[in-house]
N, C-alpha and C. Protein backbone atom coordinates (compact mmCIF):
# COMPACT_ATOMS: atom_id res chain seq x y z
N MET A 1 0.81 -1.18 0.00
CA MET A 1 0.00 0.00 0.00
C MET A 1 0.87 1.27 0.00
N VAL A 2 1.97 1.27 0.70
CA VAL A 2 2.87 2.41 0.73
C VAL A 2 3.45 2.63 -0.67
N LYS A 3 3.77 1.56 -1.34
CA LYS A 3 4.31 1.67 -2.69
C LYS A 3 3.30 2.35 -3.61
N ASN A 4 2.03 2.03 -3.45
CA ASN A 4 0.98 2.64 -4.28
C ASN A 4 0.88 4.14 -4.02
N LYS A 5 1.02 4.58 -2.77
CA LYS A 5 0.99 6.01 -2.45
C LYS A 5 2.14 6.74 -3.13
N LYS A 6 3.31 6.15 -3.09
CA LYS A 6 4.46 6.78 -3.74
C LYS A 6 4.22 6.86 -5.24
N HIS A 7 3.64 5.81 -5.81
CA HIS A 7 3.37 5.79 -7.24
C HIS A 7 2.36 6.88 -7.60
N MET A 8 1.31 7.04 -6.80
CA MET A 8 0.32 8.08 -7.05
C MET A 8 0.94 9.47 -6.90
N SER A 9 1.80 9.63 -5.94
CA SER A 9 2.45 10.90 -5.75
C SER A 9 3.30 11.25 -6.97
N LYS A 10 4.01 10.28 -7.50
CA LYS A 10 4.83 10.50 -8.68
C LYS A 10 3.94 10.81 -9.88
N ARG A 11 2.82 10.11 -10.01
CA ARG A 11 1.89 10.36 -11.11
C ARG A 11 1.30 11.76 -11.00
N SER A 12 0.99 12.18 -9.79
CA SER A 12 0.44 13.52 -9.58
C SER A 12 1.47 14.59 -9.96
N LYS A 13 2.69 14.38 -9.53
CA LYS A 13 3.75 15.33 -9.86
C LYS A 13 3.97 15.39 -11.37
N THR A 14 3.93 14.24 -12.01
CA THR A 14 4.10 14.18 -13.46
C THR A 14 2.96 14.92 -14.16
N PHE A 15 1.75 14.73 -13.67
CA PHE A 15 0.60 15.42 -14.25
C PHE A 15 0.73 16.93 -14.13
N VAL A 16 1.06 17.40 -12.95
CA VAL A 16 1.21 18.84 -12.72
C VAL A 16 2.33 19.39 -13.59
N HIS A 17 3.42 18.69 -13.66
CA HIS A 17 4.55 19.11 -14.50
C HIS A 17 4.11 19.19 -15.97
N ASP A 18 3.42 18.17 -16.46
CA ASP A 18 2.98 18.17 -17.85
C ASP A 18 2.02 19.31 -18.15
N VAL A 19 1.12 19.59 -17.22
CA VAL A 19 0.17 20.69 -17.43
C VAL A 19 0.92 22.02 -17.49
N LEU A 20 1.85 22.22 -16.59
CA LEU A 20 2.58 23.49 -16.55
C LEU A 20 3.52 23.67 -17.74
N VAL A 21 4.12 22.58 -18.19
CA VAL A 21 5.10 22.67 -19.27
C VAL A 21 4.44 22.67 -20.65
N HIS A 22 3.41 21.86 -20.83
CA HIS A 22 2.86 21.64 -22.16
C HIS A 22 1.58 22.40 -22.46
N THR A 23 1.09 23.19 -21.53
CA THR A 23 -0.08 24.01 -21.79
C THR A 23 0.26 25.46 -21.47
N PRO A 24 -0.42 26.38 -22.11
CA PRO A 24 -0.10 27.80 -21.87
C PRO A 24 -0.85 28.40 -20.67
N ILE A 25 -1.21 27.61 -19.70
CA ILE A 25 -2.04 28.10 -18.60
C ILE A 25 -1.37 29.22 -17.81
N LEU A 26 -0.10 29.09 -17.49
CA LEU A 26 0.58 30.14 -16.74
C LEU A 26 0.74 31.42 -17.56
N ARG A 27 1.04 31.26 -18.83
CA ARG A 27 1.14 32.43 -19.71
C ARG A 27 -0.20 33.12 -19.85
N LEU A 28 -1.26 32.33 -19.93
CA LEU A 28 -2.60 32.89 -20.04
C LEU A 28 -2.98 33.67 -18.78
N ILE A 29 -2.73 33.10 -17.63
CA ILE A 29 -3.04 33.79 -16.37
C ILE A 29 -2.21 35.06 -16.26
N PHE A 30 -0.94 35.00 -16.59
CA PHE A 30 -0.07 36.18 -16.54
C PHE A 30 -0.59 37.27 -17.49
N LEU A 31 -0.97 36.89 -18.70
CA LEU A 31 -1.47 37.85 -19.68
C LEU A 31 -2.77 38.49 -19.19
N LEU A 32 -3.66 37.70 -18.61
CA LEU A 32 -4.91 38.26 -18.10
C LEU A 32 -4.68 39.24 -16.96
N VAL A 33 -3.77 38.93 -16.07
CA VAL A 33 -3.47 39.83 -14.95
C VAL A 33 -2.85 41.13 -15.47
N VAL A 34 -1.92 41.02 -16.40
CA VAL A 34 -1.28 42.21 -16.97
C VAL A 34 -2.31 43.09 -17.68
N LEU A 35 -3.18 42.48 -18.48
CA LEU A 35 -4.21 43.25 -19.18
C LEU A 35 -5.17 43.91 -18.20
N TRP A 36 -5.54 43.19 -17.15
CA TRP A 36 -6.43 43.74 -16.14
C TRP A 36 -5.82 44.99 -15.50
N VAL A 37 -4.55 44.89 -15.12
CA VAL A 37 -3.87 46.02 -14.47
C VAL A 37 -3.72 47.19 -15.43
N VAL A 38 -3.36 46.92 -16.68
CA VAL A 38 -3.15 47.99 -17.66
C VAL A 38 -4.46 48.69 -18.00
N PHE A 39 -5.51 47.92 -18.29
CA PHE A 39 -6.78 48.54 -18.63
C PHE A 39 -7.40 49.26 -17.44
N ALA A 40 -7.21 48.74 -16.23
CA ALA A 40 -7.71 49.43 -15.04
C ALA A 40 -6.98 50.76 -14.86
N ALA A 41 -5.69 50.78 -15.12
CA ALA A 41 -4.93 52.04 -15.02
C ALA A 41 -5.41 53.04 -16.06
N GLY A 42 -5.60 52.57 -17.29
CA GLY A 42 -6.12 53.46 -18.34
C GLY A 42 -7.50 53.99 -18.00
N LEU A 43 -8.34 53.15 -17.46
CA LEU A 43 -9.68 53.57 -17.07
C LEU A 43 -9.62 54.60 -15.94
N TYR A 44 -8.79 54.33 -14.95
CA TYR A 44 -8.67 55.27 -13.83
C TYR A 44 -8.18 56.64 -14.30
N PHE A 45 -7.13 56.67 -15.10
CA PHE A 45 -6.57 57.94 -15.54
C PHE A 45 -7.52 58.69 -16.47
N SER A 46 -8.29 57.98 -17.26
CA SER A 46 -9.22 58.66 -18.15
C SER A 46 -10.48 59.11 -17.41
N GLU A 47 -10.84 58.48 -16.30
CA GLU A 47 -12.01 58.88 -15.51
C GLU A 47 -11.68 59.93 -14.47
N ARG A 48 -10.41 60.12 -14.21
CA ARG A 48 -10.00 61.09 -13.18
C ARG A 48 -10.50 62.48 -13.55
N GLY A 49 -11.27 63.07 -12.64
CA GLY A 49 -11.78 64.41 -12.85
C GLY A 49 -13.10 64.46 -13.61
N ALA A 50 -13.64 63.35 -14.06
CA ALA A 50 -14.92 63.36 -14.76
C ALA A 50 -16.06 63.56 -13.76
N GLU A 51 -17.06 64.31 -14.17
CA GLU A 51 -18.19 64.58 -13.27
C GLU A 51 -19.07 63.36 -13.13
N GLY A 52 -19.47 63.07 -11.89
CA GLY A 52 -20.41 61.99 -11.63
C GLY A 52 -19.85 60.58 -11.76
N THR A 53 -18.56 60.45 -11.83
CA THR A 53 -17.96 59.12 -11.98
C THR A 53 -17.94 58.38 -10.65
N SER A 54 -18.09 57.08 -10.73
CA SER A 54 -17.98 56.26 -9.52
C SER A 54 -16.59 55.67 -9.38
N ILE A 55 -15.77 55.84 -10.40
CA ILE A 55 -14.40 55.31 -10.39
C ILE A 55 -13.48 56.44 -9.95
N THR A 56 -13.26 56.53 -8.65
CA THR A 56 -12.48 57.64 -8.09
C THR A 56 -11.11 57.23 -7.58
N SER A 57 -10.79 55.94 -7.67
CA SER A 57 -9.48 55.47 -7.23
C SER A 57 -9.05 54.30 -8.12
N TYR A 58 -7.77 53.99 -8.05
CA TYR A 58 -7.26 52.86 -8.83
C TYR A 58 -7.87 51.55 -8.35
N GLY A 59 -8.09 51.43 -7.05
CA GLY A 59 -8.73 50.23 -6.50
C GLY A 59 -10.12 50.03 -7.06
N LYS A 60 -10.87 51.13 -7.20
CA LYS A 60 -12.22 51.02 -7.78
C LYS A 60 -12.15 50.66 -9.26
N ALA A 61 -11.11 51.12 -9.94
CA ALA A 61 -10.93 50.75 -11.34
C ALA A 61 -10.60 49.27 -11.47
N LEU A 62 -9.78 48.75 -10.56
CA LEU A 62 -9.49 47.31 -10.55
C LEU A 62 -10.75 46.52 -10.27
N TYR A 63 -11.55 47.00 -9.30
CA TYR A 63 -12.82 46.33 -9.00
C TYR A 63 -13.74 46.37 -10.22
N TRP A 64 -13.81 47.50 -10.91
CA TRP A 64 -14.63 47.61 -12.10
C TRP A 64 -14.20 46.57 -13.14
N GLY A 65 -12.90 46.39 -13.29
CA GLY A 65 -12.41 45.40 -14.24
C GLY A 65 -12.86 44.00 -13.90
N ILE A 66 -12.80 43.63 -12.63
CA ILE A 66 -13.24 42.30 -12.20
C ILE A 66 -14.74 42.16 -12.39
N ALA A 67 -15.50 43.17 -11.98
CA ALA A 67 -16.96 43.11 -12.10
C ALA A 67 -17.38 43.05 -13.57
N ALA A 68 -16.75 43.84 -14.39
CA ALA A 68 -17.12 43.87 -15.80
C ALA A 68 -16.73 42.58 -16.52
N PHE A 69 -15.57 42.03 -16.22
CA PHE A 69 -15.13 40.82 -16.89
C PHE A 69 -15.88 39.59 -16.41
N SER A 70 -16.20 39.53 -15.13
CA SER A 70 -16.76 38.29 -14.58
C SER A 70 -18.28 38.23 -14.62
N THR A 71 -18.96 39.35 -14.79
CA THR A 71 -20.42 39.31 -14.76
C THR A 71 -21.03 39.85 -16.05
N ALA A 72 -20.35 39.67 -17.13
CA ALA A 72 -20.84 40.08 -18.45
C ALA A 72 -21.20 41.56 -18.50
N GLY A 73 -20.40 42.39 -17.86
CA GLY A 73 -20.57 43.83 -17.98
C GLY A 73 -21.47 44.47 -16.94
N ILE A 74 -21.83 43.76 -15.90
CA ILE A 74 -22.66 44.38 -14.87
C ILE A 74 -21.74 45.12 -13.91
N ALA A 75 -21.50 46.36 -14.22
CA ALA A 75 -20.65 47.22 -13.40
C ALA A 75 -21.06 48.66 -13.68
N ASP A 76 -20.62 49.59 -12.85
CA ASP A 76 -20.92 50.99 -13.10
C ASP A 76 -20.31 51.40 -14.43
N MET A 77 -21.05 52.14 -15.19
CA MET A 77 -20.60 52.56 -16.51
C MET A 77 -19.66 53.75 -16.37
N PRO A 78 -18.53 53.73 -17.07
CA PRO A 78 -17.65 54.91 -17.06
C PRO A 78 -18.38 56.10 -17.67
N LYS A 79 -18.01 57.31 -17.27
CA LYS A 79 -18.69 58.54 -17.72
C LYS A 79 -17.98 59.23 -18.87
N ASN A 80 -16.68 59.17 -18.91
CA ASN A 80 -15.89 59.87 -19.91
C ASN A 80 -15.85 59.06 -21.21
N GLY A 81 -15.83 59.74 -22.35
CA GLY A 81 -15.82 59.05 -23.64
C GLY A 81 -14.60 58.16 -23.82
N LEU A 82 -13.43 58.64 -23.42
CA LEU A 82 -12.21 57.84 -23.52
C LEU A 82 -12.29 56.62 -22.61
N SER A 83 -12.88 56.80 -21.44
CA SER A 83 -13.03 55.68 -20.49
C SER A 83 -13.95 54.61 -21.06
N VAL A 84 -15.01 55.03 -21.70
CA VAL A 84 -15.94 54.07 -22.32
C VAL A 84 -15.20 53.27 -23.39
N PHE A 85 -14.41 53.97 -24.20
CA PHE A 85 -13.64 53.30 -25.25
C PHE A 85 -12.66 52.29 -24.64
N ILE A 86 -11.93 52.70 -23.61
CA ILE A 86 -10.95 51.81 -22.97
C ILE A 86 -11.66 50.60 -22.37
N GLY A 87 -12.77 50.84 -21.69
CA GLY A 87 -13.53 49.74 -21.08
C GLY A 87 -14.07 48.78 -22.12
N GLU A 88 -14.65 49.31 -23.20
CA GLU A 88 -15.20 48.45 -24.24
C GLU A 88 -14.10 47.67 -24.96
N TYR A 89 -12.99 48.35 -25.25
CA TYR A 89 -11.87 47.68 -25.92
C TYR A 89 -11.30 46.58 -25.04
N GLY A 90 -11.14 46.89 -23.76
CA GLY A 90 -10.62 45.87 -22.82
C GLY A 90 -11.54 44.69 -22.70
N LEU A 91 -12.82 44.95 -22.59
CA LEU A 91 -13.78 43.85 -22.46
C LEU A 91 -13.84 43.01 -23.72
N SER A 92 -13.86 43.65 -24.88
CA SER A 92 -13.96 42.88 -26.11
C SER A 92 -12.67 42.10 -26.41
N TRP A 93 -11.52 42.66 -26.03
CA TRP A 93 -10.26 41.98 -26.32
C TRP A 93 -10.04 40.79 -25.42
N VAL A 94 -10.38 40.92 -24.13
CA VAL A 94 -10.12 39.86 -23.18
C VAL A 94 -11.15 38.74 -23.27
N GLN A 95 -12.39 39.11 -23.52
CA GLN A 95 -13.41 38.06 -23.57
C GLN A 95 -13.34 37.47 -24.92
């Protein structure tokens, strides 16, 4: 029985290694995080100073990115024209 546990452990390690080496999962996650941070920064800077905006900090812009990406766009709408463009471009490119 101990031998079987060691064998399963080796099989599990081999599986994890194969997934990490032979699939682009880590690159995909890295790309999504980078795009999220970049588009959130663009959204924040373009919304800064706009009247009636709910995106008043970088943290709120990051939250907007998560809400917009994960719930099919159910998030506060940006007010500035450039912000709308950045948000729409980010959503269409990532999804």
